Amino acid sequence: MNHIEELVQRFVKVWNETDPARRGEEVRNLWRSDGRHVMGANDTRGHEALEQRVAASNQRSVLQKNYMFRPATGIQTLPGVVKFRWDMVSRDTTQVVSAGVGFLILDDDHRITCDYLFAES
């Protein structure tokens, strides 16, 4: 697995992380301090807001509904941009309950400046 693939897998995995300290540390490692997350009506900027956004998603999807985000597939890269597929599945049945495409915009140090997530189902 190359560095970009590892980064994308860490990005997907952070949404499953239930330990607040580990989740916060990984948010700070993945995104720049002025990093941005955009999905639907959510437009989140900065580490503190990103930590709150990931924590809220985790609470709703992982802890309350018993879903999990599967590792990314179909990873493609261009200079400074990464595209991948993501799935959210039921832990009980592994049935896909949501799926989509993500785009990560990276700086020269391979930290996320902005991520765009699109839900397709």
N, C-alpha and C. Protein backbone atom coordinates (compact mmCIF):
# COMPACT_ATOMS: atom_id res chain seq x y z
N MET A 1 0.85 -1.18 0.00
CA MET A 1 0.00 0.00 0.00
C MET A 1 0.90 1.24 0.00
N ASN A 2 0.64 2.15 -0.93
CA ASN A 2 1.46 3.36 -0.96
C ASN A 2 0.92 4.40 0.02
N HIS A 3 1.66 5.49 0.13
CA HIS A 3 1.33 6.52 1.10
C HIS A 3 -0.07 7.11 0.89
N ILE A 4 -0.45 7.35 -0.36
CA ILE A 4 -1.77 7.94 -0.66
C ILE A 4 -2.88 6.96 -0.30
N GLU A 5 -2.70 5.68 -0.66
CA GLU A 5 -3.72 4.69 -0.30
C GLU A 5 -3.87 4.59 1.22
N GLU A 6 -2.76 4.63 1.94
CA GLU A 6 -2.80 4.58 3.40
C GLU A 6 -3.54 5.80 3.95
N LEU A 7 -3.29 6.96 3.40
CA LEU A 7 -3.95 8.18 3.84
C LEU A 7 -5.46 8.08 3.64
N VAL A 8 -5.89 7.58 2.48
CA VAL A 8 -7.32 7.44 2.20
C VAL A 8 -7.96 6.45 3.17
N GLN A 9 -7.29 5.34 3.44
CA GLN A 9 -7.84 4.36 4.38
C GLN A 9 -7.94 4.95 5.79
N ARG A 10 -6.95 5.74 6.19
CA ARG A 10 -7.01 6.42 7.49
C ARG A 10 -8.17 7.42 7.52
N PHE A 11 -8.40 8.11 6.41
CA PHE A 11 -9.52 9.05 6.32
C PHE A 11 -10.84 8.33 6.56
N VAL A 12 -11.05 7.21 5.89
CA VAL A 12 -12.30 6.45 6.06
C VAL A 12 -12.39 5.92 7.48
N LYS A 13 -11.29 5.41 7.99
CA LYS A 13 -11.27 4.79 9.33
C LYS A 13 -11.59 5.80 10.44
N VAL A 14 -11.20 7.06 10.29
CA VAL A 14 -11.43 8.03 11.36
C VAL A 14 -12.92 8.19 11.65
N TRP A 15 -13.78 7.99 10.65
CA TRP A 15 -15.22 8.12 10.85
C TRP A 15 -15.77 6.97 11.71
N ASN A 16 -15.03 5.85 11.82
CA ASN A 16 -15.42 4.71 12.66
C ASN A 16 -14.85 4.80 14.07
N GLU A 17 -13.88 5.65 14.29
CA GLU A 17 -13.15 5.69 15.56
C GLU A 17 -14.07 6.16 16.70
N THR A 18 -14.23 5.32 17.72
CA THR A 18 -15.11 5.66 18.84
C THR A 18 -14.37 6.31 20.01
N ASP A 19 -13.06 6.22 20.05
CA ASP A 19 -12.30 6.85 21.14
C ASP A 19 -12.07 8.32 20.78
N PRO A 20 -12.64 9.24 21.57
CA PRO A 20 -12.53 10.67 21.23
C PRO A 20 -11.09 11.18 21.13
N ALA A 21 -10.21 10.71 22.00
CA ALA A 21 -8.82 11.18 21.96
C ALA A 21 -8.12 10.72 20.68
N ARG A 22 -8.27 9.44 20.35
CA ARG A 22 -7.65 8.92 19.12
C ARG A 22 -8.26 9.58 17.89
N ARG A 23 -9.58 9.76 17.91
CA ARG A 23 -10.26 10.38 16.78
C ARG A 23 -9.76 11.82 16.59
N GLY A 24 -9.67 12.57 17.67
CA GLY A 24 -9.19 13.95 17.58
C GLY A 24 -7.76 14.03 17.09
N GLU A 25 -6.92 13.13 17.57
CA GLU A 25 -5.52 13.11 17.13
C GLU A 25 -5.44 12.82 15.63
N GLU A 26 -6.24 11.87 15.18
CA GLU A 26 -6.21 11.52 13.75
C GLU A 26 -6.77 12.65 12.89
N VAL A 27 -7.79 13.33 13.35
CA VAL A 27 -8.29 14.50 12.62
C VAL A 27 -7.17 15.51 12.45
N ARG A 28 -6.44 15.79 13.52
CA ARG A 28 -5.35 16.76 13.47
C ARG A 28 -4.20 16.28 12.58
N ASN A 29 -4.01 14.97 12.49
CA ASN A 29 -2.96 14.43 11.62
C ASN A 29 -3.37 14.43 10.15
N LEU A 30 -4.63 14.18 9.87
CA LEU A 30 -5.09 14.07 8.48
C LEU A 30 -5.28 15.43 7.81
N TRP A 31 -5.96 16.34 8.49
CA TRP A 31 -6.29 17.64 7.89
C TRP A 31 -5.30 18.71 8.33
N ARG A 32 -5.09 19.69 7.46
CA ARG A 32 -4.36 20.90 7.86
C ARG A 32 -5.20 21.62 8.91
N SER A 33 -4.58 22.53 9.63
CA SER A 33 -5.30 23.25 10.68
C SER A 33 -6.47 24.07 10.10
N ASP A 34 -6.35 24.48 8.84
CA ASP A 34 -7.43 25.22 8.19
C ASP A 34 -8.21 24.32 7.22
N GLY A 35 -8.11 23.01 7.42
CA GLY A 35 -8.77 22.04 6.54
C GLY A 35 -10.27 22.19 6.53
N ARG A 36 -10.85 21.66 5.46
CA ARG A 36 -12.28 21.84 5.23
C ARG A 36 -12.91 20.50 4.84
N HIS A 37 -14.16 20.30 5.26
CA HIS A 37 -14.95 19.12 4.91
C HIS A 37 -16.28 19.62 4.35
N VAL A 38 -16.67 19.09 3.16
CA VAL A 38 -17.93 19.50 2.55
C VAL A 38 -18.71 18.24 2.17
N MET A 39 -19.92 18.15 2.70
CA MET A 39 -20.84 17.07 2.33
C MET A 39 -22.25 17.58 2.53
N GLY A 40 -23.01 17.63 1.44
CA GLY A 40 -24.37 18.15 1.55
C GLY A 40 -24.38 19.55 2.14
N ALA A 41 -25.17 19.74 3.18
CA ALA A 41 -25.27 21.05 3.83
C ALA A 41 -24.11 21.31 4.79
N ASN A 42 -23.30 20.29 5.06
CA ASN A 42 -22.16 20.46 5.97
C ASN A 42 -20.99 21.09 5.24
N ASP A 43 -20.52 22.20 5.77
CA ASP A 43 -19.31 22.86 5.28
C ASP A 43 -18.52 23.25 6.52
N THR A 44 -17.56 22.43 6.87
CA THR A 44 -16.87 22.50 8.14
C THR A 44 -15.42 22.91 7.92
N ARG A 45 -14.91 23.81 8.76
CA ARG A 45 -13.54 24.30 8.60
C ARG A 45 -12.81 24.33 9.94
N GLY A 46 -11.55 23.90 9.93
CA GLY A 46 -10.69 23.96 11.11
C GLY A 46 -10.79 22.71 11.96
N HIS A 47 -9.69 22.42 12.67
CA HIS A 47 -9.61 21.18 13.45
C HIS A 47 -10.75 21.01 14.45
N GLU A 48 -11.06 22.05 15.21
CA GLU A 48 -12.10 21.91 16.23
C GLU A 48 -13.45 21.55 15.60
N ALA A 49 -13.81 22.26 14.55
CA ALA A 49 -15.08 21.98 13.87
C ALA A 49 -15.05 20.61 13.18
N LEU A 50 -13.91 20.24 12.62
CA LEU A 50 -13.79 18.92 11.98
C LEU A 50 -13.95 17.81 13.01
N GLU A 51 -13.33 17.97 14.18
CA GLU A 51 -13.48 16.98 15.24
C GLU A 51 -14.95 16.84 15.64
N GLN A 52 -15.66 17.96 15.76
CA GLN A 52 -17.08 17.93 16.12
C GLN A 52 -17.91 17.24 15.03
N ARG A 53 -17.59 17.52 13.78
CA ARG A 53 -18.34 16.93 12.66
C ARG A 53 -18.13 15.42 12.62
N VAL A 54 -16.88 14.97 12.74
CA VAL A 54 -16.60 13.53 12.71
C VAL A 54 -17.24 12.86 13.92
N ALA A 55 -17.16 13.49 15.09
CA ALA A 55 -17.76 12.92 16.31
C ALA A 55 -19.28 12.80 16.16
N ALA A 56 -19.93 13.80 15.59
CA ALA A 56 -21.39 13.75 15.41
C ALA A 56 -21.78 12.63 14.45
N SER A 57 -21.04 12.49 13.35
CA SER A 57 -21.30 11.41 12.41
C SER A 57 -21.09 10.05 13.08
N ASN A 58 -20.02 9.95 13.85
CA ASN A 58 -19.72 8.70 14.55
C ASN A 58 -20.84 8.36 15.53
N GLN A 59 -21.29 9.33 16.30
CA GLN A 59 -22.36 9.10 17.28
C GLN A 59 -23.62 8.59 16.59
N ARG A 60 -24.01 9.27 15.52
CA ARG A 60 -25.24 8.94 14.82
C ARG A 60 -25.14 7.61 14.07
N SER A 61 -24.09 7.44 13.29
CA SER A 61 -24.01 6.28 12.39
C SER A 61 -23.40 5.05 13.04
N VAL A 62 -22.30 5.21 13.74
CA VAL A 62 -21.57 4.06 14.29
C VAL A 62 -22.16 3.60 15.61
N LEU A 63 -22.32 4.53 16.55
CA LEU A 63 -22.77 4.14 17.89
C LEU A 63 -24.28 3.90 17.96
N GLN A 64 -25.08 4.78 17.39
CA GLN A 64 -26.53 4.64 17.51
C GLN A 64 -27.12 3.64 16.52
N LYS A 65 -26.64 3.65 15.29
CA LYS A 65 -27.24 2.80 14.26
C LYS A 65 -26.46 1.52 13.97
N ASN A 66 -25.29 1.38 14.60
CA ASN A 66 -24.45 0.18 14.43
C ASN A 66 -24.00 -0.01 12.97
N TYR A 67 -23.66 1.11 12.32
CA TYR A 67 -23.11 1.07 10.98
C TYR A 67 -21.59 1.22 11.07
N MET A 68 -20.92 0.93 9.98
CA MET A 68 -19.49 1.19 9.89
C MET A 68 -19.14 1.60 8.47
N PHE A 69 -18.08 2.36 8.35
CA PHE A 69 -17.58 2.76 7.05
C PHE A 69 -16.51 1.76 6.64
N ARG A 70 -16.68 1.19 5.45
CA ARG A 70 -15.72 0.20 4.96
C ARG A 70 -14.53 0.90 4.33
N PRO A 71 -13.40 0.20 4.27
CA PRO A 71 -12.23 0.79 3.60
C PRO A 71 -12.56 1.22 2.18
N ALA A 72 -11.90 2.27 1.76
CA ALA A 72 -12.14 2.85 0.44
C ALA A 72 -11.71 1.89 -0.66
N THR A 73 -12.39 1.99 -1.80
CA THR A 73 -12.04 1.21 -2.99
C THR A 73 -11.94 2.17 -4.17
N GLY A 74 -11.43 1.66 -5.27
CA GLY A 74 -11.36 2.45 -6.50
C GLY A 74 -10.55 3.72 -6.34
N ILE A 75 -9.47 3.66 -5.58
CA ILE A 75 -8.66 4.85 -5.33
C ILE A 75 -7.92 5.25 -6.61
N GLN A 76 -8.09 6.51 -7.00
CA GLN A 76 -7.39 7.07 -8.15
C GLN A 76 -6.77 8.39 -7.74
N THR A 77 -5.61 8.69 -8.32
CA THR A 77 -4.93 9.93 -7.95
C THR A 77 -4.51 10.73 -9.17
N LEU A 78 -4.49 12.01 -8.98
CA LEU A 78 -3.87 12.98 -9.87
C LEU A 78 -3.05 13.88 -8.95
N PRO A 79 -2.16 14.68 -9.46
CA PRO A 79 -1.38 15.53 -8.57
C PRO A 79 -2.27 16.37 -7.65
N GLY A 80 -2.14 16.14 -6.36
CA GLY A 80 -2.88 16.91 -5.36
C GLY A 80 -4.33 16.53 -5.15
N VAL A 81 -4.83 15.50 -5.88
CA VAL A 81 -6.25 15.11 -5.77
C VAL A 81 -6.35 13.59 -5.71
N VAL A 82 -7.24 13.12 -4.83
CA VAL A 82 -7.50 11.69 -4.71
C VAL A 82 -9.01 11.46 -4.79
N LYS A 83 -9.41 10.47 -5.56
CA LYS A 83 -10.82 10.09 -5.69
C LYS A 83 -10.95 8.65 -5.21
N PHE A 84 -12.05 8.35 -4.50
CA PHE A 84 -12.27 7.00 -4.00
C PHE A 84 -13.76 6.75 -3.80
N ARG A 85 -14.12 5.50 -3.66
CA ARG A 85 -15.49 5.08 -3.34
C ARG A 85 -15.53 4.74 -1.85
N TRP A 86 -16.65 5.03 -1.23
CA TRP A 86 -16.85 4.66 0.18
C TRP A 86 -18.23 4.02 0.33
N ASP A 87 -18.32 3.15 1.34
CA ASP A 87 -19.58 2.49 1.69
C ASP A 87 -19.79 2.60 3.19
N MET A 88 -21.04 2.75 3.59
CA MET A 88 -21.43 2.60 4.99
C MET A 88 -22.32 1.37 5.03
N VAL A 89 -21.97 0.43 5.90
CA VAL A 89 -22.69 -0.84 5.95
C VAL A 89 -23.21 -1.11 7.36
N SER A 90 -24.25 -1.94 7.43
CA SER A 90 -24.75 -2.42 8.70
C SER A 90 -23.77 -3.45 9.25
N ARG A 91 -23.36 -3.29 10.49
CA ARG A 91 -22.44 -4.28 11.09
C ARG A 91 -23.11 -5.65 11.21
N ASP A 92 -24.43 -5.68 11.35
CA ASP A 92 -25.15 -6.93 11.54
C ASP A 92 -25.29 -7.74 10.26
N THR A 93 -25.57 -7.05 9.15
CA THR A 93 -25.86 -7.77 7.91
C THR A 93 -24.85 -7.49 6.80
N THR A 94 -23.98 -6.55 7.00
CA THR A 94 -23.03 -6.03 5.99
C THR A 94 -23.74 -5.47 4.76
N GLN A 95 -25.04 -5.22 4.87
CA GLN A 95 -25.79 -4.60 3.79
C GLN A 95 -25.36 -3.13 3.66
N VAL A 96 -25.15 -2.69 2.44
CA VAL A 96 -24.79 -1.30 2.20
C VAL A 96 -26.01 -0.42 2.44
N VAL A 97 -25.87 0.55 3.34
CA VAL A 97 -26.96 1.47 3.64
C VAL A 97 -26.73 2.85 3.02
N SER A 98 -25.49 3.12 2.65
CA SER A 98 -25.15 4.36 1.96
C SER A 98 -23.82 4.13 1.25
N ALA A 99 -23.66 4.79 0.12
CA ALA A 99 -22.42 4.67 -0.64
C ALA A 99 -22.19 5.97 -1.38
N GLY A 100 -20.94 6.20 -1.73
CA GLY A 100 -20.67 7.42 -2.46
C GLY A 100 -19.24 7.53 -2.93
N VAL A 101 -18.89 8.74 -3.29
CA VAL A 101 -17.58 9.06 -3.82
C VAL A 101 -16.98 10.17 -2.97
N GLY A 102 -15.68 10.08 -2.74
CA GLY A 102 -14.98 11.13 -2.03
C GLY A 102 -13.84 11.68 -2.86
N PHE A 103 -13.58 12.96 -2.67
CA PHE A 103 -12.44 13.62 -3.29
C PHE A 103 -11.65 14.30 -2.18
N LEU A 104 -10.37 14.05 -2.12
CA LEU A 104 -9.49 14.72 -1.17
C LEU A 104 -8.57 15.64 -1.96
N ILE A 105 -8.48 16.88 -1.53
CA ILE A 105 -7.52 17.83 -2.08
C ILE A 105 -6.38 17.90 -1.07
N LEU A 106 -5.17 17.61 -1.52
CA LEU A 106 -4.02 17.50 -0.62
C LEU A 106 -3.02 18.62 -0.85
N ASP A 107 -2.33 18.99 0.23
CA ASP A 107 -1.23 19.95 0.08
C ASP A 107 0.05 19.18 -0.25
N ASP A 108 1.16 19.86 -0.32
CA ASP A 108 2.43 19.23 -0.68
C ASP A 108 2.92 18.22 0.35
N ASP A 109 2.41 18.31 1.58
CA ASP A 109 2.78 17.37 2.65
C ASP A 109 1.77 16.24 2.78
N HIS A 110 0.88 16.11 1.81
CA HIS A 110 -0.18 15.09 1.79
C HIS A 110 -1.13 15.20 2.98
N ARG A 111 -1.42 16.42 3.37
CA ARG A 111 -2.46 16.67 4.37
C ARG A 111 -3.67 17.21 3.64
N ILE A 112 -4.83 16.90 4.17
CA ILE A 112 -6.08 17.28 3.50
C ILE A 112 -6.32 18.78 3.67
N THR A 113 -6.47 19.46 2.54
CA THR A 113 -6.90 20.87 2.59
C THR A 113 -8.42 20.94 2.50
N CYS A 114 -9.00 20.01 1.74
CA CYS A 114 -10.45 19.94 1.64
C CYS A 114 -10.87 18.54 1.21
N ASP A 115 -11.93 18.04 1.81
CA ASP A 115 -12.52 16.79 1.34
C ASP A 115 -13.96 17.07 0.94
N TYR A 116 -14.34 16.46 -0.17
CA TYR A 116 -15.70 16.55 -0.68
C TYR A 116 -16.26 15.14 -0.70
N LEU A 117 -17.35 14.90 0.00
CA LEU A 117 -17.99 13.59 0.02
C LEU A 117 -19.37 13.69 -0.62
N PHE A 118 -19.64 12.78 -1.53
CA PHE A 118 -20.93 12.72 -2.21
C PHE A 118 -21.59 11.39 -1.88
N ALA A 119 -22.81 11.44 -1.37
CA ALA A 119 -23.60 10.23 -1.13
C ALA A 119 -24.41 9.95 -2.39
N GLU A 120 -24.33 8.72 -2.87
CA GLU A 120 -25.07 8.34 -4.06
C GLU A 120 -26.27 7.46 -3.75
N SER A 121 -26.29 6.91 -2.55
CA SER A 121 -27.41 6.07 -2.14
C SER A 121 -27.56 6.11 -0.63
